[in-house]
Amino acid sequence: MTDLGHTLRRRLHPLLAGLVSAAVLIGTLALAIENRASILRDGREIVLKTEPVDPRDLMRGDYVWLGYTDISTIDTGLVSGAWPAEDTTAPVWLILAPGEDGAYVAKSAGFSRPDTLAADEVLLKSLPARIMIATRPGGTNLVGPLSFGIERYYVPEGEGLEIEKAQNEGRTTVAVRVSADGDPQIARLMIDGETLYEEPLY
């Protein structure tokens, strides 16, 4: 009976481990989906101008690679507050405000979360970016190109080139929802201000 019990336990352990792993994986996926949905549902909407990079991923069908005209690259003159003491990789916090045409542009940048925002301003947090500190007198500190996790947008196969053409002509914009913590999600892809694709909550 004892040998039979040991045999059953040995058989159950891998099964139990598999069930626990599956539960953790499903829970993590569900949390990520709900986090995305909450940003699309409750985030503040802003419009960003885009610029093309690459229209096709042969392994996964068509997509547009979106560079954001006024925020993917920032002028170091916009940086306020202290710089890191040495080269590092860290998120960059942007304060965005609407420009003359209503699209949002970077108003200031920094390496720590700002304490306050004006009513028309939105906080946007980049993914970790390369920050390079000048080591010679008169040198210039640099911030590498910024990305925000909203640079790749998949579209039905065969339609990427049409969108790329519109981007080249400056006709493509993206409506982005941004959470209070500065995390963005693409809500709508637009050409000439008209919605071409809209993201569902789930």
C-alpha atoms as a PDB file:
ATOM      1  CA  MET A   1       0.000   0.000   0.000  1.00  0.00           C
ATOM      2  CA  THR A   2       2.884   2.310   0.858  1.00  0.00           C
ATOM      3  CA  ASP A   3       4.578   1.674  -2.492  1.00  0.00           C
ATOM      4  CA  LEU A   4       1.280   2.369  -4.265  1.00  0.00           C
ATOM      5  CA  GLY A   5       0.921   5.654  -2.372  1.00  0.00           C
ATOM      6  CA  HIS A   6       4.414   6.762  -3.355  1.00  0.00           C
ATOM      7  CA  THR A   7       3.694   5.877  -6.982  1.00  0.00           C
ATOM      8  CA  LEU A   8       0.473   7.928  -6.968  1.00  0.00           C
ATOM      9  CA  ARG A   9       2.215  10.895  -5.413  1.00  0.00           C
ATOM     10  CA  ARG A  10       4.972  10.737  -8.031  1.00  0.00           C
ATOM     11  CA  ARG A  11       2.344  10.771 -10.757  1.00  0.00           C
ATOM     12  CA  LEU A  12       0.355  13.591  -9.158  1.00  0.00           C
ATOM     13  CA  HIS A  13       3.315  15.939  -8.606  1.00  0.00           C
ATOM     14  CA  PRO A  14       3.937  16.670 -12.330  1.00  0.00           C
ATOM     15  CA  LEU A  15       0.190  17.035 -12.876  1.00  0.00           C
ATOM     16  CA  LEU A  16      -0.132  19.446  -9.950  1.00  0.00           C
ATOM     17  CA  ALA A  17       2.893  21.423 -11.127  1.00  0.00           C
ATOM     18  CA  GLY A  18       1.377  21.658 -14.602  1.00  0.00           C
ATOM     19  CA  LEU A  19      -1.945  22.864 -13.235  1.00  0.00           C
ATOM     20  CA  VAL A  20      -0.249  25.514 -11.097  1.00  0.00           C
ATOM     21  CA  SER A  21       1.848  26.700 -14.049  1.00  0.00           C
ATOM     22  CA  ALA A  22      -1.234  26.888 -16.267  1.00  0.00           C
ATOM     23  CA  ALA A  23      -3.147  28.843 -13.623  1.00  0.00           C
ATOM     24  CA  VAL A  24      -0.294  31.331 -13.231  1.00  0.00           C
ATOM     25  CA  LEU A  25       0.028  31.748 -17.004  1.00  0.00           C
ATOM     26  CA  ILE A  26      -3.715  32.253 -17.478  1.00  0.00           C
ATOM     27  CA  GLY A  27      -3.855  34.678 -14.569  1.00  0.00           C
ATOM     28  CA  THR A  28      -0.940  36.713 -15.929  1.00  0.00           C
ATOM     29  CA  LEU A  29      -2.501  36.838 -19.394  1.00  0.00           C
ATOM     30  CA  ALA A  30      -5.898  37.830 -17.979  1.00  0.00           C
ATOM     31  CA  LEU A  31      -4.274  40.610 -15.936  1.00  0.00           C
ATOM     32  CA  ALA A  32      -2.455  41.977 -19.010  1.00  0.00           C
ATOM     33  CA  ILE A  33      -5.678  41.899 -21.061  1.00  0.00           C
ATOM     34  CA  GLU A  34      -7.643  43.655 -18.346  1.00  0.00           C
ATOM     35  CA  ASN A  35      -4.914  46.273 -17.872  1.00  0.00           C
ATOM     36  CA  ARG A  36      -5.026  47.041 -21.603  1.00  0.00           C
ATOM     37  CA  ALA A  37      -8.830  47.206 -21.550  1.00  0.00           C
ATOM     38  CA  SER A  38      -8.848  49.530 -18.542  1.00  0.00           C
ATOM     39  CA  ILE A  39      -6.534  51.974 -20.325  1.00  0.00           C
ATOM     40  CA  LEU A  40      -8.713  51.901 -23.463  1.00  0.00           C
ATOM     41  CA  ARG A  41     -11.827  52.334 -21.338  1.00  0.00           C
ATOM     42  CA  ASP A  42     -10.691  54.921 -18.784  1.00  0.00           C
ATOM     43  CA  GLY A  43      -7.518  56.529 -20.179  1.00  0.00           C
ATOM     44  CA  ARG A  44      -7.376  60.088 -21.412  1.00  0.00           C
ATOM     45  CA  GLU A  45      -7.436  60.298 -25.204  1.00  0.00           C
ATOM     46  CA  ILE A  46      -4.843  62.268 -27.131  1.00  0.00           C
ATOM     47  CA  VAL A  47      -3.977  62.450 -30.831  1.00  0.00           C
ATOM     48  CA  LEU A  48      -0.407  61.930 -32.031  1.00  0.00           C
ATOM     49  CA  LYS A  49       1.123  62.505 -35.450  1.00  0.00           C
ATOM     50  CA  THR A  50       2.964  59.528 -36.900  1.00  0.00           C
ATOM     51  CA  GLU A  51       5.780  58.842 -39.298  1.00  0.00           C
ATOM     52  CA  PRO A  52       6.479  55.526 -41.070  1.00  0.00           C
ATOM     53  CA  VAL A  53       9.352  53.169 -40.451  1.00  0.00           C
ATOM     54  CA  ASP A  54       8.545  49.729 -41.928  1.00  0.00           C
ATOM     55  CA  PRO A  55       5.247  48.401 -43.342  1.00  0.00           C
ATOM     56  CA  ARG A  56       5.719  44.608 -43.413  1.00  0.00           C
ATOM     57  CA  ASP A  57       6.584  41.701 -41.157  1.00  0.00           C
ATOM     58  CA  LEU A  58       6.697  38.659 -43.430  1.00  0.00           C
ATOM     59  CA  MET A  59       6.228  36.277 -40.526  1.00  0.00           C
ATOM     60  CA  ARG A  60       3.033  37.817 -39.178  1.00  0.00           C
ATOM     61  CA  GLY A  61       1.364  39.677 -42.029  1.00  0.00           C
ATOM     62  CA  ASP A  62       1.114  43.410 -42.563  1.00  0.00           C
ATOM     63  CA  TYR A  63       1.789  46.003 -39.925  1.00  0.00           C
ATOM     64  CA  VAL A  64       2.745  49.617 -39.765  1.00  0.00           C
ATOM     65  CA  TRP A  65       5.706  50.597 -37.639  1.00  0.00           C
ATOM     66  CA  LEU A  66       4.780  53.939 -36.135  1.00  0.00           C
ATOM     67  CA  GLY A  67       7.312  56.558 -35.251  1.00  0.00           C
ATOM     68  CA  TYR A  68       5.767  59.505 -33.436  1.00  0.00           C
ATOM     69  CA  THR A  69       6.814  62.787 -34.981  1.00  0.00           C
ATOM     70  CA  ASP A  70       6.906  64.947 -31.859  1.00  0.00           C
ATOM     71  CA  ILE A  71       7.819  62.456 -29.129  1.00  0.00           C
ATOM     72  CA  SER A  72       9.958  59.599 -30.516  1.00  0.00           C
ATOM     73  CA  THR A  73      12.966  61.937 -30.573  1.00  0.00           C
ATOM     74  CA  ILE A  74      13.191  64.794 -28.118  1.00  0.00           C
ATOM     75  CA  ASP A  75      15.362  67.873 -27.938  1.00  0.00           C
ATOM     76  CA  THR A  76      17.568  67.640 -24.837  1.00  0.00           C
ATOM     77  CA  GLY A  77      16.669  71.276 -24.210  1.00  0.00           C
ATOM     78  CA  LEU A  78      13.260  70.010 -23.099  1.00  0.00           C
ATOM     79  CA  VAL A  79      14.807  68.017 -20.250  1.00  0.00           C
ATOM     80  CA  SER A  80      14.194  69.544 -16.838  1.00  0.00           C
ATOM     81  CA  GLY A  81      15.560  68.381 -13.513  1.00  0.00           C
ATOM     82  CA  ALA A  82      18.737  66.474 -12.785  1.00  0.00           C
ATOM     83  CA  TRP A  83      20.384  64.149 -15.272  1.00  0.00           C
ATOM     84  CA  PRO A  84      21.797  60.787 -14.134  1.00  0.00           C
ATOM     85  CA  ALA A  85      25.394  60.877 -12.938  1.00  0.00           C
ATOM     86  CA  GLU A  86      26.504  58.383 -15.602  1.00  0.00           C
ATOM     87  CA  ASP A  87      25.295  56.534 -18.679  1.00  0.00           C
ATOM     88  CA  THR A  88      22.247  54.450 -17.901  1.00  0.00           C
ATOM     89  CA  THR A  89      19.007  53.034 -19.248  1.00  0.00           C
ATOM     90  CA  ALA A  90      15.823  54.391 -17.717  1.00  0.00           C
ATOM     91  CA  PRO A  91      12.286  55.512 -18.605  1.00  0.00           C
ATOM     92  CA  VAL A  92      11.764  59.101 -19.670  1.00  0.00           C
ATOM     93  CA  TRP A  93       8.702  60.981 -18.441  1.00  0.00           C
ATOM     94  CA  LEU A  94       7.164  63.359 -20.967  1.00  0.00           C
ATOM     95  CA  ILE A  95       4.625  66.068 -20.354  1.00  0.00           C
ATOM     96  CA  LEU A  96       2.524  66.486 -23.488  1.00  0.00           C
ATOM     97  CA  ALA A  97       0.254  69.361 -24.408  1.00  0.00           C
ATOM     98  CA  PRO A  98      -1.832  70.066 -27.518  1.00  0.00           C
ATOM     99  CA  GLY A  99      -0.092  71.930 -30.315  1.00  0.00           C
ATOM    100  CA  GLU A 100      -1.640  74.464 -32.656  1.00  0.00           C
ATOM    101  CA  ASP A 101      -3.376  71.761 -34.704  1.00  0.00           C
ATOM    102  CA  GLY A 102      -4.643  69.849 -31.657  1.00  0.00           C
ATOM    103  CA  ALA A 103      -2.139  66.999 -31.908  1.00  0.00           C
ATOM    104  CA  TYR A 104      -0.102  66.527 -28.728  1.00  0.00           C
ATOM    105  CA  VAL A 105       3.585  67.404 -28.596  1.00  0.00           C
ATOM    106  CA  ALA A 106       6.288  67.124 -25.953  1.00  0.00           C
ATOM    107  CA  LYS A 107       6.386  70.162 -23.700  1.00  0.00           C
ATOM    108  CA  SER A 108       9.018  68.899 -21.270  1.00  0.00           C
ATOM    109  CA  ALA A 109      10.881  65.727 -20.323  1.00  0.00           C
ATOM    110  CA  GLY A 110      12.585  64.364 -17.249  1.00  0.00           C
ATOM    111  CA  PHE A 111      13.873  61.251 -15.535  1.00  0.00           C
ATOM    112  CA  SER A 112      11.469  61.288 -12.602  1.00  0.00           C
ATOM    113  CA  ARG A 113       7.701  61.533 -12.497  1.00  0.00           C
ATOM    114  CA  PRO A 114       6.534  65.162 -12.311  1.00  0.00           C
ATOM    115  CA  ASP A 115       4.458  66.170  -9.316  1.00  0.00           C
ATOM    116  CA  THR A 116       1.859  68.303 -11.085  1.00  0.00           C
ATOM    117  CA  LEU A 117       0.232  68.729 -14.470  1.00  0.00           C
ATOM    118  CA  ALA A 118      -1.818  71.543 -15.959  1.00  0.00           C
ATOM    119  CA  ALA A 119      -5.389  70.774 -16.983  1.00  0.00           C
ATOM    120  CA  ASP A 120      -4.490  70.394 -20.674  1.00  0.00           C
ATOM    121  CA  GLU A 121      -1.333  68.332 -20.073  1.00  0.00           C
ATOM    122  CA  VAL A 122      -0.902  64.561 -20.209  1.00  0.00           C
ATOM    123  CA  LEU A 123       1.830  62.444 -18.672  1.00  0.00           C
ATOM    124  CA  LEU A 124       3.472  59.836 -20.936  1.00  0.00           C
ATOM    125  CA  LYS A 125       6.103  57.341 -19.770  1.00  0.00           C
ATOM    126  CA  SER A 126       8.546  55.835 -22.251  1.00  0.00           C
ATOM    127  CA  LEU A 127      10.013  52.375 -22.153  1.00  0.00           C
ATOM    128  CA  PRO A 128      13.592  52.330 -20.783  1.00  0.00           C
ATOM    129  CA  ALA A 129      15.772  54.445 -23.082  1.00  0.00           C
ATOM    130  CA  ARG A 130      19.521  54.898 -23.404  1.00  0.00           C
ATOM    131  CA  ILE A 131      20.732  58.039 -21.600  1.00  0.00           C
ATOM    132  CA  MET A 132      24.281  59.123 -22.403  1.00  0.00           C
ATOM    133  CA  ILE A 133      26.121  61.631 -20.259  1.00  0.00           C
ATOM    134  CA  ALA A 134      28.795  63.855 -21.797  1.00  0.00           C
ATOM    135  CA  THR A 135      32.268  63.176 -20.382  1.00  0.00           C
ATOM    136  CA  ARG A 136      34.143  66.027 -22.051  1.00  0.00           C
ATOM    137  CA  PRO A 137      33.826  69.745 -21.315  1.00  0.00           C
ATOM    138  CA  GLY A 138      31.336  71.294 -23.690  1.00  0.00           C
ATOM    139  CA  GLY A 139      29.909  67.895 -24.605  1.00  0.00           C
ATOM    140  CA  THR A 140      26.176  67.292 -24.918  1.00  0.00           C
ATOM    141  CA  ASN A 141      24.103  64.829 -22.965  1.00  0.00           C
ATOM    142  CA  LEU A 142      21.956  62.622 -25.198  1.00  0.00           C
ATOM    143  CA  VAL A 143      18.721  60.669 -24.888  1.00  0.00           C
ATOM    144  CA  GLY A 144      18.285  57.769 -27.307  1.00  0.00           C
ATOM    145  CA  PRO A 145      15.154  57.428 -29.459  1.00  0.00           C
ATOM    146  CA  LEU A 146      12.099  56.863 -27.274  1.00  0.00           C
ATOM    147  CA  SER A 147       9.580  54.067 -27.644  1.00  0.00           C
ATOM    148  CA  PHE A 148       6.331  53.593 -25.765  1.00  0.00           C
ATOM    149  CA  GLY A 149       5.095  50.123 -26.687  1.00  0.00           C
ATOM    150  CA  ILE A 150       2.727  51.545 -29.310  1.00  0.00           C
ATOM    151  CA  GLU A 151       5.070  51.533 -32.294  1.00  0.00           C
ATOM    152  CA  ARG A 152       3.787  48.382 -34.050  1.00  0.00           C
ATOM    153  CA  TYR A 153       0.205  48.169 -35.270  1.00  0.00           C
ATOM    154  CA  TYR A 154      -1.041  45.121 -37.168  1.00  0.00           C
ATOM    155  CA  VAL A 155      -3.571  45.528 -39.957  1.00  0.00           C
ATOM    156  CA  PRO A 156      -5.268  43.093 -42.353  1.00  0.00           C
ATOM    157  CA  GLU A 157      -2.805  41.583 -44.805  1.00  0.00           C
ATOM    158  CA  GLY A 158      -2.370  43.691 -47.904  1.00  0.00           C
ATOM    159  CA  GLU A 159      -3.349  47.013 -46.298  1.00  0.00           C
ATOM    160  CA  GLY A 160      -0.033  48.039 -44.756  1.00  0.00           C
ATOM    161  CA  LEU A 161       1.277  49.708 -47.899  1.00  0.00           C
ATOM    162  CA  GLU A 162      -1.818  51.885 -48.197  1.00  0.00           C
ATOM    163  CA  ILE A 163      -1.316  53.151 -44.674  1.00  0.00           C
ATOM    164  CA  GLU A 164       2.405  53.672 -45.266  1.00  0.00           C
ATOM    165  CA  LYS A 165       1.581  55.826 -48.291  1.00  0.00           C
ATOM    166  CA  ALA A 166      -0.776  57.950 -46.179  1.00  0.00           C
ATOM    167  CA  GLN A 167       1.960  58.297 -43.541  1.00  0.00           C
ATOM    168  CA  ASN A 168       4.455  59.437 -46.138  1.00  0.00           C
ATOM    169  CA  GLU A 169       1.946  62.125 -47.094  1.00  0.00           C
ATOM    170  CA  GLY A 170       1.496  63.221 -43.473  1.00  0.00           C
ATOM    171  CA  ARG A 171      -2.147  62.117 -43.361  1.00  0.00           C
ATOM    172  CA  THR A 172      -1.958  59.463 -40.629  1.00  0.00           C
ATOM    173  CA  THR A 173      -2.624  60.118 -36.955  1.00  0.00           C
ATOM    174  CA  VAL A 174      -3.266  57.851 -33.984  1.00  0.00           C
ATOM    175  CA  ALA A 175      -5.694  58.326 -31.118  1.00  0.00           C
ATOM    176  CA  VAL A 176      -3.998  57.023 -27.987  1.00  0.00           C
ATOM    177  CA  ARG A 177      -5.504  56.419 -24.565  1.00  0.00           C
ATOM    178  CA  VAL A 178      -3.131  57.168 -21.689  1.00  0.00           C
ATOM    179  CA  SER A 179      -3.557  56.009 -18.101  1.00  0.00           C
ATOM    180  CA  ALA A 180      -2.914  58.217 -15.088  1.00  0.00           C
ATOM    181  CA  ASP A 181       0.434  56.430 -14.717  1.00  0.00           C
ATOM    182  CA  GLY A 182       1.502  57.421 -18.233  1.00  0.00           C
ATOM    183  CA  ASP A 183       0.948  54.045 -19.908  1.00  0.00           C
ATOM    184  CA  PRO A 184      -0.446  54.288 -23.486  1.00  0.00           C
ATOM    185  CA  GLN A 185      -2.581  52.065 -25.705  1.00  0.00           C
ATOM    186  CA  ILE A 186      -3.553  52.714 -29.327  1.00  0.00           C
ATOM    187  CA  ALA A 187      -7.305  53.272 -29.565  1.00  0.00           C
ATOM    188  CA  ARG A 188      -7.751  54.255 -33.208  1.00  0.00           C
ATOM    189  CA  LEU A 189      -5.661  54.562 -36.369  1.00  0.00           C
ATOM    190  CA  MET A 190      -6.841  57.433 -38.545  1.00  0.00           C
ATOM    191  CA  ILE A 191      -6.236  58.797 -42.040  1.00  0.00           C
ATOM    192  CA  ASP A 192      -7.273  62.387 -42.749  1.00  0.00           C
ATOM    193  CA  GLY A 193      -8.946  62.424 -39.331  1.00  0.00           C
ATOM    194  CA  GLU A 194     -11.260  59.528 -40.213  1.00  0.00           C
ATOM    195  CA  THR A 195     -11.040  56.303 -38.213  1.00  0.00           C
ATOM    196  CA  LEU A 196      -9.625  53.429 -40.256  1.00  0.00           C
ATOM    197  CA  TYR A 197      -9.233  50.887 -37.427  1.00  0.00           C
ATOM    198  CA  GLU A 198     -10.558  50.940 -33.871  1.00  0.00           C
ATOM    199  CA  GLU A 199      -9.327  48.677 -31.103  1.00  0.00           C
ATOM    200  CA  PRO A 200     -11.927  46.625 -29.176  1.00  0.00           C
ATOM    201  CA  LEU A 201     -11.664  46.485 -25.393  1.00  0.00           C
ATOM    202  CA  TYR A 202     -11.116  42.725 -25.480  1.00  0.00           C
END
